Amino acid sequence: MIKALAKGLALTFKTLFRPRVTLLYPEKKKVMYERWRGRPRLTTGENNEELCLGCGICAKGCPAQAINVTAGKREDNSRFAATFEVDIGRCIFCGFCSESCPKNAIVMSHEYELATDDKKKLLLNKEELLRNPEEGEG
């Protein structure tokens, strides 16, 4: 028993004098890894037009059923997403939506500050999903 106590105290003193890795959070934010899956967002192509066709493959592939897509048609008979909603409260950030999209219209961003005290703010509509937080808009 004394040997185990000495071993535990030795480990405590060994780690006691190591340099701290604590970040001063609001001022310094952690840089996330390249493969980090944060808040989903919709992408735009050339001429700043959205890439989503409203096919709903992402909604069908979502295991948490957090995506709701409704398709629409333009005057030139091309398809677009009339509504696109993601419930972040239900999302499990698996990335299946971005992997299944044939046009790469939905990607997982590196945004991780998603906490809120209002459940209504967790339901993101198409305009909020088109906003790119990495460009300084968020």
N, C-alpha and C. Protein backbone atom coordinates (compact mmCIF):
# COMPACT_ATOMS: atom_id res chain seq x y z
N MET A 1 0.82 -1.18 0.00
CA MET A 1 0.00 0.00 0.00
C MET A 1 0.87 1.26 0.00
N ILE A 2 1.95 1.24 0.74
CA ILE A 2 2.84 2.40 0.77
C ILE A 2 3.55 2.56 -0.57
N LYS A 3 3.85 1.44 -1.21
CA LYS A 3 4.49 1.49 -2.53
C LYS A 3 3.57 2.15 -3.56
N ALA A 4 2.27 1.80 -3.52
CA ALA A 4 1.30 2.40 -4.44
C ALA A 4 1.12 3.88 -4.15
N LEU A 5 1.12 4.28 -2.88
CA LEU A 5 1.01 5.68 -2.52
C LEU A 5 2.22 6.47 -3.00
N ALA A 6 3.40 5.91 -2.82
CA ALA A 6 4.62 6.58 -3.28
C ALA A 6 4.63 6.71 -4.80
N LYS A 7 4.14 5.69 -5.48
CA LYS A 7 4.09 5.73 -6.94
C LYS A 7 3.13 6.82 -7.42
N GLY A 8 1.98 6.94 -6.75
CA GLY A 8 1.02 7.98 -7.11
C GLY A 8 1.54 9.38 -6.83
N LEU A 9 2.22 9.57 -5.70
CA LEU A 9 2.81 10.86 -5.36
C LEU A 9 3.94 11.23 -6.32
N ALA A 10 4.71 10.24 -6.75
CA ALA A 10 5.79 10.50 -7.70
C ALA A 10 5.22 10.99 -9.03
N LEU A 11 4.13 10.39 -9.46
CA LEU A 11 3.49 10.82 -10.69
C LEU A 11 2.93 12.24 -10.55
N THR A 12 2.36 12.53 -9.39
CA THR A 12 1.83 13.88 -9.14
C THR A 12 2.93 14.92 -9.20
N PHE A 13 4.04 14.67 -8.52
CA PHE A 13 5.14 15.64 -8.53
C PHE A 13 5.80 15.76 -9.89
N LYS A 14 5.80 14.67 -10.64
CA LYS A 14 6.38 14.70 -11.98
C LYS A 14 5.58 15.61 -12.91
N THR A 15 4.26 15.55 -12.82
CA THR A 15 3.41 16.37 -13.68
C THR A 15 3.18 17.77 -13.12
N LEU A 16 3.51 18.00 -11.86
CA LEU A 16 3.27 19.28 -11.23
C LEU A 16 4.13 20.39 -11.83
N PHE A 17 5.32 20.07 -12.27
CA PHE A 17 6.24 21.08 -12.75
C PHE A 17 6.34 21.16 -14.27
N ARG A 18 5.44 20.48 -14.97
CA ARG A 18 5.38 20.59 -16.43
C ARG A 18 4.78 21.93 -16.82
N PRO A 19 5.11 22.43 -18.01
CA PRO A 19 4.47 23.69 -18.45
C PRO A 19 2.98 23.49 -18.69
N ARG A 20 2.21 24.51 -18.41
CA ARG A 20 0.76 24.46 -18.58
C ARG A 20 0.39 24.60 -20.06
N VAL A 21 -0.69 23.96 -20.45
CA VAL A 21 -1.17 24.06 -21.83
C VAL A 21 -2.54 24.75 -21.88
N THR A 22 -2.89 25.44 -20.83
CA THR A 22 -4.17 26.13 -20.77
C THR A 22 -4.17 27.35 -21.68
N LEU A 23 -5.24 27.49 -22.45
CA LEU A 23 -5.40 28.67 -23.31
C LEU A 23 -6.28 29.69 -22.60
N LEU A 24 -6.01 30.95 -22.82
CA LEU A 24 -6.88 32.01 -22.33
C LEU A 24 -8.01 32.12 -23.34
N TYR A 25 -9.12 31.40 -23.08
CA TYR A 25 -10.10 31.09 -24.11
C TYR A 25 -10.66 32.26 -24.91
N PRO A 26 -11.29 33.23 -24.35
CA PRO A 26 -11.91 34.19 -25.28
C PRO A 26 -10.90 34.93 -26.14
N GLU A 27 -9.71 35.18 -25.61
CA GLU A 27 -8.70 35.91 -26.38
C GLU A 27 -7.99 34.99 -27.37
N LYS A 28 -7.62 33.80 -26.94
CA LYS A 28 -6.93 32.83 -27.80
C LYS A 28 -7.83 31.62 -27.98
N LYS A 29 -8.13 31.33 -29.24
CA LYS A 29 -8.98 30.18 -29.53
C LYS A 29 -8.14 29.05 -30.09
N LYS A 30 -8.55 27.84 -29.78
CA LYS A 30 -7.84 26.66 -30.22
C LYS A 30 -7.99 26.51 -31.74
N VAL A 31 -6.90 26.23 -32.40
CA VAL A 31 -6.93 25.96 -33.84
C VAL A 31 -7.32 24.50 -34.01
N MET A 32 -8.40 24.29 -34.74
CA MET A 32 -8.92 22.94 -34.90
C MET A 32 -8.17 22.21 -36.01
N TYR A 33 -8.19 20.90 -35.92
CA TYR A 33 -7.53 20.07 -36.91
C TYR A 33 -8.22 20.21 -38.27
N GLU A 34 -7.53 19.86 -39.32
CA GLU A 34 -8.07 19.98 -40.68
C GLU A 34 -9.34 19.14 -40.86
N ARG A 35 -9.38 17.96 -40.25
CA ARG A 35 -10.52 17.06 -40.42
C ARG A 35 -11.62 17.27 -39.38
N TRP A 36 -11.53 18.35 -38.60
CA TRP A 36 -12.55 18.65 -37.59
C TRP A 36 -13.90 18.89 -38.25
N ARG A 37 -14.95 18.31 -37.69
CA ARG A 37 -16.29 18.49 -38.22
C ARG A 37 -17.09 19.35 -37.26
N GLY A 38 -17.28 20.60 -37.64
CA GLY A 38 -18.05 21.53 -36.82
C GLY A 38 -19.42 21.76 -37.43
N ARG A 39 -19.89 22.99 -37.37
CA ARG A 39 -21.22 23.36 -37.86
C ARG A 39 -21.31 23.15 -39.37
N PRO A 40 -22.36 22.49 -39.86
CA PRO A 40 -22.51 22.35 -41.31
C PRO A 40 -22.80 23.71 -41.94
N ARG A 41 -22.37 23.87 -43.18
CA ARG A 41 -22.68 25.10 -43.92
C ARG A 41 -22.82 24.77 -45.39
N LEU A 42 -23.60 25.58 -46.07
CA LEU A 42 -23.81 25.43 -47.51
C LEU A 42 -22.76 26.25 -48.25
N THR A 43 -22.31 25.72 -49.37
CA THR A 43 -21.29 26.40 -50.16
C THR A 43 -21.91 27.05 -51.39
N THR A 44 -21.17 27.99 -51.93
CA THR A 44 -21.59 28.66 -53.16
C THR A 44 -20.54 28.44 -54.22
N GLY A 45 -20.96 28.48 -55.46
CA GLY A 45 -20.05 28.28 -56.57
C GLY A 45 -19.65 29.59 -57.21
N GLU A 46 -19.37 29.54 -58.50
CA GLU A 46 -19.05 30.74 -59.24
C GLU A 46 -20.25 31.67 -59.25
N ASN A 47 -19.99 32.95 -59.36
CA ASN A 47 -21.03 33.98 -59.36
C ASN A 47 -21.84 34.00 -58.07
N ASN A 48 -21.28 33.42 -57.02
CA ASN A 48 -21.88 33.42 -55.68
C ASN A 48 -23.28 32.78 -55.67
N GLU A 49 -23.49 31.78 -56.51
CA GLU A 49 -24.77 31.08 -56.53
C GLU A 49 -24.64 29.79 -55.74
N GLU A 50 -25.70 29.42 -55.05
CA GLU A 50 -25.65 28.22 -54.21
C GLU A 50 -25.59 26.96 -55.05
N LEU A 51 -24.91 25.96 -54.53
CA LEU A 51 -24.71 24.72 -55.27
C LEU A 51 -25.80 23.68 -55.00
N CYS A 52 -26.55 23.85 -53.92
CA CYS A 52 -27.55 22.85 -53.54
C CYS A 52 -28.68 22.79 -54.55
N LEU A 53 -29.00 21.58 -54.99
CA LEU A 53 -30.09 21.35 -55.93
C LEU A 53 -31.39 20.97 -55.25
N GLY A 54 -31.34 20.74 -53.96
CA GLY A 54 -32.54 20.33 -53.23
C GLY A 54 -32.90 18.89 -53.46
N CYS A 55 -31.93 18.04 -53.77
CA CYS A 55 -32.22 16.62 -54.07
C CYS A 55 -32.60 15.85 -52.81
N GLY A 56 -32.12 16.28 -51.63
CA GLY A 56 -32.48 15.63 -50.38
C GLY A 56 -31.68 14.40 -50.03
N ILE A 57 -30.61 14.12 -50.75
CA ILE A 57 -29.78 12.96 -50.42
C ILE A 57 -29.15 13.13 -49.05
N CYS A 58 -28.77 14.36 -48.72
CA CYS A 58 -28.17 14.61 -47.41
C CYS A 58 -29.18 14.35 -46.29
N ALA A 59 -30.43 14.71 -46.50
CA ALA A 59 -31.47 14.48 -45.49
C ALA A 59 -31.75 12.99 -45.32
N LYS A 60 -31.69 12.25 -46.42
CA LYS A 60 -31.93 10.81 -46.33
C LYS A 60 -30.77 10.09 -45.66
N GLY A 61 -29.55 10.61 -45.82
CA GLY A 61 -28.37 9.98 -45.24
C GLY A 61 -28.08 10.40 -43.81
N CYS A 62 -28.81 11.37 -43.29
CA CYS A 62 -28.57 11.87 -41.93
C CYS A 62 -29.13 10.88 -40.90
N PRO A 63 -28.27 10.26 -40.07
CA PRO A 63 -28.78 9.30 -39.09
C PRO A 63 -29.61 9.94 -37.99
N ALA A 64 -29.39 11.22 -37.71
CA ALA A 64 -30.15 11.91 -36.66
C ALA A 64 -31.40 12.58 -37.19
N GLN A 65 -31.63 12.54 -38.50
CA GLN A 65 -32.76 13.19 -39.17
C GLN A 65 -32.84 14.67 -38.78
N ALA A 66 -31.70 15.35 -38.86
CA ALA A 66 -31.61 16.75 -38.47
C ALA A 66 -31.74 17.70 -39.65
N ILE A 67 -31.84 17.17 -40.87
CA ILE A 67 -31.87 18.01 -42.07
C ILE A 67 -33.25 17.94 -42.71
N ASN A 68 -33.76 19.11 -43.12
CA ASN A 68 -35.04 19.20 -43.81
C ASN A 68 -34.82 20.00 -45.09
N VAL A 69 -35.08 19.38 -46.25
CA VAL A 69 -34.85 20.03 -47.54
C VAL A 69 -36.13 19.97 -48.36
N THR A 70 -36.47 21.12 -48.97
CA THR A 70 -37.59 21.18 -49.90
C THR A 70 -37.07 21.76 -51.21
N ALA A 71 -37.32 21.07 -52.31
CA ALA A 71 -36.82 21.50 -53.61
C ALA A 71 -37.80 22.45 -54.29
N GLY A 72 -37.25 23.26 -55.16
CA GLY A 72 -38.05 24.17 -55.98
C GLY A 72 -37.48 24.24 -57.38
N LYS A 73 -38.24 24.82 -58.31
CA LYS A 73 -37.77 24.97 -59.69
C LYS A 73 -37.77 26.43 -60.07
N ARG A 74 -36.72 26.82 -60.79
CA ARG A 74 -36.62 28.19 -61.30
C ARG A 74 -37.34 28.29 -62.64
N GLU A 75 -37.38 29.48 -63.19
CA GLU A 75 -38.04 29.69 -64.48
C GLU A 75 -37.33 28.97 -65.62
N ASP A 76 -35.99 28.81 -65.50
CA ASP A 76 -35.24 28.11 -66.55
C ASP A 76 -35.24 26.59 -66.33
N ASN A 77 -36.13 26.09 -65.47
CA ASN A 77 -36.31 24.67 -65.18
C ASN A 77 -35.16 24.05 -64.39
N SER A 78 -34.27 24.83 -63.83
CA SER A 78 -33.21 24.28 -62.98
C SER A 78 -33.72 24.17 -61.55
N ARG A 79 -33.18 23.20 -60.82
CA ARG A 79 -33.61 22.94 -59.45
C ARG A 79 -32.79 23.75 -58.46
N PHE A 80 -33.40 24.04 -57.32
CA PHE A 80 -32.70 24.68 -56.21
C PHE A 80 -33.39 24.29 -54.91
N ALA A 81 -32.75 24.55 -53.80
CA ALA A 81 -33.32 24.24 -52.49
C ALA A 81 -34.19 25.42 -52.06
N ALA A 82 -35.49 25.23 -52.07
CA ALA A 82 -36.40 26.29 -51.64
C ALA A 82 -36.24 26.52 -50.14
N THR A 83 -36.19 25.44 -49.37
CA THR A 83 -35.88 25.53 -47.94
C THR A 83 -34.81 24.51 -47.61
N PHE A 84 -33.93 24.89 -46.71
CA PHE A 84 -32.88 24.00 -46.24
C PHE A 84 -32.67 24.33 -44.78
N GLU A 85 -33.01 23.41 -43.90
CA GLU A 85 -32.88 23.63 -42.47
C GLU A 85 -32.10 22.50 -41.83
N VAL A 86 -31.24 22.88 -40.88
CA VAL A 86 -30.49 21.90 -40.09
C VAL A 86 -30.74 22.21 -38.62
N ASP A 87 -31.16 21.20 -37.88
CA ASP A 87 -31.35 21.34 -36.44
C ASP A 87 -30.05 20.93 -35.75
N ILE A 88 -29.29 21.93 -35.30
CA ILE A 88 -27.99 21.67 -34.67
C ILE A 88 -28.17 20.93 -33.35
N GLY A 89 -29.32 21.08 -32.71
CA GLY A 89 -29.60 20.36 -31.47
C GLY A 89 -29.68 18.86 -31.68
N ARG A 90 -30.05 18.44 -32.88
CA ARG A 90 -30.14 17.01 -33.20
C ARG A 90 -28.91 16.50 -33.93
N CYS A 91 -28.17 17.38 -34.59
CA CYS A 91 -27.03 17.00 -35.41
C CYS A 91 -25.97 16.31 -34.55
N ILE A 92 -25.41 15.22 -35.06
CA ILE A 92 -24.35 14.51 -34.34
C ILE A 92 -22.98 14.74 -35.00
N PHE A 93 -22.92 15.66 -35.97
CA PHE A 93 -21.69 16.09 -36.61
C PHE A 93 -20.90 14.90 -37.17
N CYS A 94 -21.61 13.98 -37.80
CA CYS A 94 -20.97 12.79 -38.38
C CYS A 94 -20.36 13.07 -39.74
N GLY A 95 -20.88 14.04 -40.47
CA GLY A 95 -20.35 14.38 -41.78
C GLY A 95 -20.93 13.55 -42.91
N PHE A 96 -21.92 12.71 -42.64
CA PHE A 96 -22.53 11.91 -43.71
C PHE A 96 -23.20 12.79 -44.75
N CYS A 97 -23.73 13.92 -44.33
CA CYS A 97 -24.40 14.82 -45.28
C CYS A 97 -23.40 15.36 -46.30
N SER A 98 -22.23 15.75 -45.84
CA SER A 98 -21.24 16.30 -46.77
C SER A 98 -20.63 15.21 -47.65
N GLU A 99 -20.54 13.99 -47.14
CA GLU A 99 -19.99 12.89 -47.94
C GLU A 99 -20.98 12.42 -49.00
N SER A 100 -22.28 12.52 -48.72
CA SER A 100 -23.27 12.00 -49.66
C SER A 100 -23.70 13.02 -50.71
N CYS A 101 -23.37 14.29 -50.53
CA CYS A 101 -23.81 15.32 -51.47
C CYS A 101 -23.08 15.19 -52.80
N PRO A 102 -23.80 15.04 -53.92
CA PRO A 102 -23.14 14.88 -55.22
C PRO A 102 -22.52 16.18 -55.75
N LYS A 103 -22.94 17.34 -55.25
CA LYS A 103 -22.43 18.62 -55.74
C LYS A 103 -21.48 19.30 -54.74
N ASN A 104 -21.16 18.63 -53.63
CA ASN A 104 -20.36 19.22 -52.55
C ASN A 104 -20.95 20.54 -52.08
N ALA A 105 -22.27 20.57 -51.97
CA ALA A 105 -22.97 21.79 -51.59
C ALA A 105 -22.99 22.00 -50.09
N ILE A 106 -22.83 20.95 -49.31
CA ILE A 106 -22.80 21.07 -47.86
C ILE A 106 -21.47 20.53 -47.34
N VAL A 107 -20.84 21.31 -46.49
CA VAL A 107 -19.55 20.93 -45.91
C VAL A 107 -19.62 21.14 -44.41
N MET A 108 -18.69 20.52 -43.70
CA MET A 108 -18.60 20.71 -42.26
C MET A 108 -17.53 21.77 -42.02
N SER A 109 -17.91 22.88 -41.41
CA SER A 109 -16.97 23.98 -41.15
C SER A 109 -16.17 23.68 -39.88
N HIS A 110 -15.29 24.58 -39.52
CA HIS A 110 -14.49 24.42 -38.30
C HIS A 110 -15.09 25.19 -37.13
N GLU A 111 -16.28 25.71 -37.28
CA GLU A 111 -16.93 26.48 -36.22
C GLU A 111 -17.38 25.54 -35.11
N TYR A 112 -16.96 25.82 -33.87
CA TYR A 112 -17.31 24.95 -32.77
C TYR A 112 -18.00 25.68 -31.62
N GLU A 113 -18.16 26.98 -31.69
CA GLU A 113 -18.83 27.73 -30.63
C GLU A 113 -20.32 27.79 -30.94
N LEU A 114 -21.04 26.76 -30.57
CA LEU A 114 -22.44 26.63 -30.94
C LEU A 114 -23.38 26.69 -29.74
N ALA A 115 -22.86 26.95 -28.56
CA ALA A 115 -23.69 26.94 -27.35
C ALA A 115 -24.64 28.13 -27.34
N THR A 116 -25.85 27.87 -26.89
CA THR A 116 -26.86 28.92 -26.75
C THR A 116 -27.85 28.50 -25.68
N ASP A 117 -28.58 29.46 -25.16
CA ASP A 117 -29.59 29.15 -24.17
C ASP A 117 -31.00 29.14 -24.76
N ASP A 118 -31.10 29.35 -26.07
CA ASP A 118 -32.39 29.38 -26.75
C ASP A 118 -32.43 28.27 -27.80
N LYS A 119 -33.36 27.34 -27.66
CA LYS A 119 -33.46 26.22 -28.60
C LYS A 119 -33.80 26.66 -30.01
N LYS A 120 -34.47 27.79 -30.15
CA LYS A 120 -34.85 28.27 -31.47
C LYS A 120 -33.64 28.69 -32.29
N LYS A 121 -32.55 29.06 -31.62
CA LYS A 121 -31.33 29.45 -32.33
C LYS A 121 -30.57 28.24 -32.87
N LEU A 122 -30.95 27.05 -32.44
CA LEU A 122 -30.30 25.83 -32.92
C LEU A 122 -30.87 25.35 -34.25
N LEU A 123 -31.97 25.90 -34.70
CA LEU A 123 -32.54 25.56 -36.00
C LEU A 123 -32.03 26.57 -37.02
N LEU A 124 -31.11 26.13 -37.86
CA LEU A 124 -30.46 27.02 -38.84
C LEU A 124 -31.17 26.93 -40.18
N ASN A 125 -31.54 28.08 -40.73
CA ASN A 125 -32.18 28.10 -42.04
C ASN A 125 -31.12 28.27 -43.14
N LYS A 126 -31.58 28.37 -44.37
CA LYS A 126 -30.68 28.41 -45.52
C LYS A 126 -29.75 29.62 -45.49
N GLU A 127 -30.24 30.78 -45.11
CA GLU A 127 -29.42 31.98 -45.07
C GLU A 127 -28.30 31.86 -44.04
N GLU A 128 -28.62 31.29 -42.87
CA GLU A 128 -27.60 31.10 -41.83
C GLU A 128 -26.57 30.05 -42.25
N LEU A 129 -27.02 29.05 -43.01
CA LEU A 129 -26.09 28.00 -43.46
C LEU A 129 -25.19 28.49 -44.58
N LEU A 130 -25.62 29.49 -45.33
CA LEU A 130 -24.79 30.05 -46.39
C LEU A 130 -23.73 30.99 -45.83
N ARG A 131 -23.90 31.47 -44.60
CA ARG A 131 -22.93 32.37 -43.97
C ARG A 131 -21.66 31.59 -43.65
N ASN A 132 -20.51 32.16 -44.05
CA ASN A 132 -19.23 31.51 -43.83
C ASN A 132 -18.51 32.17 -42.66
N PRO A 133 -18.41 31.50 -41.51
CA PRO A 133 -17.78 32.13 -40.35
C PRO A 133 -16.27 32.29 -40.51
N GLU A 134 -15.64 31.52 -41.39
CA GLU A 134 -14.19 31.61 -41.57
C GLU A 134 -13.79 32.88 -42.33
N GLU A 135 -14.76 33.53 -42.97
CA GLU A 135 -14.45 34.76 -43.72
C GLU A 135 -14.66 36.00 -42.87
N GLY A 136 -14.91 35.83 -41.56
CA GLY A 136 -15.03 36.96 -40.67
C GLY A 136 -16.43 37.52 -40.56
N GLU A 137 -17.43 36.83 -41.07
CA GLU A 137 -18.80 37.31 -40.97
C GLU A 137 -19.45 36.86 -39.68
N GLY A 138 -18.83 35.97 -38.93
CA GLY A 138 -19.45 35.44 -37.74
C GLY A 138 -18.60 35.65 -36.63
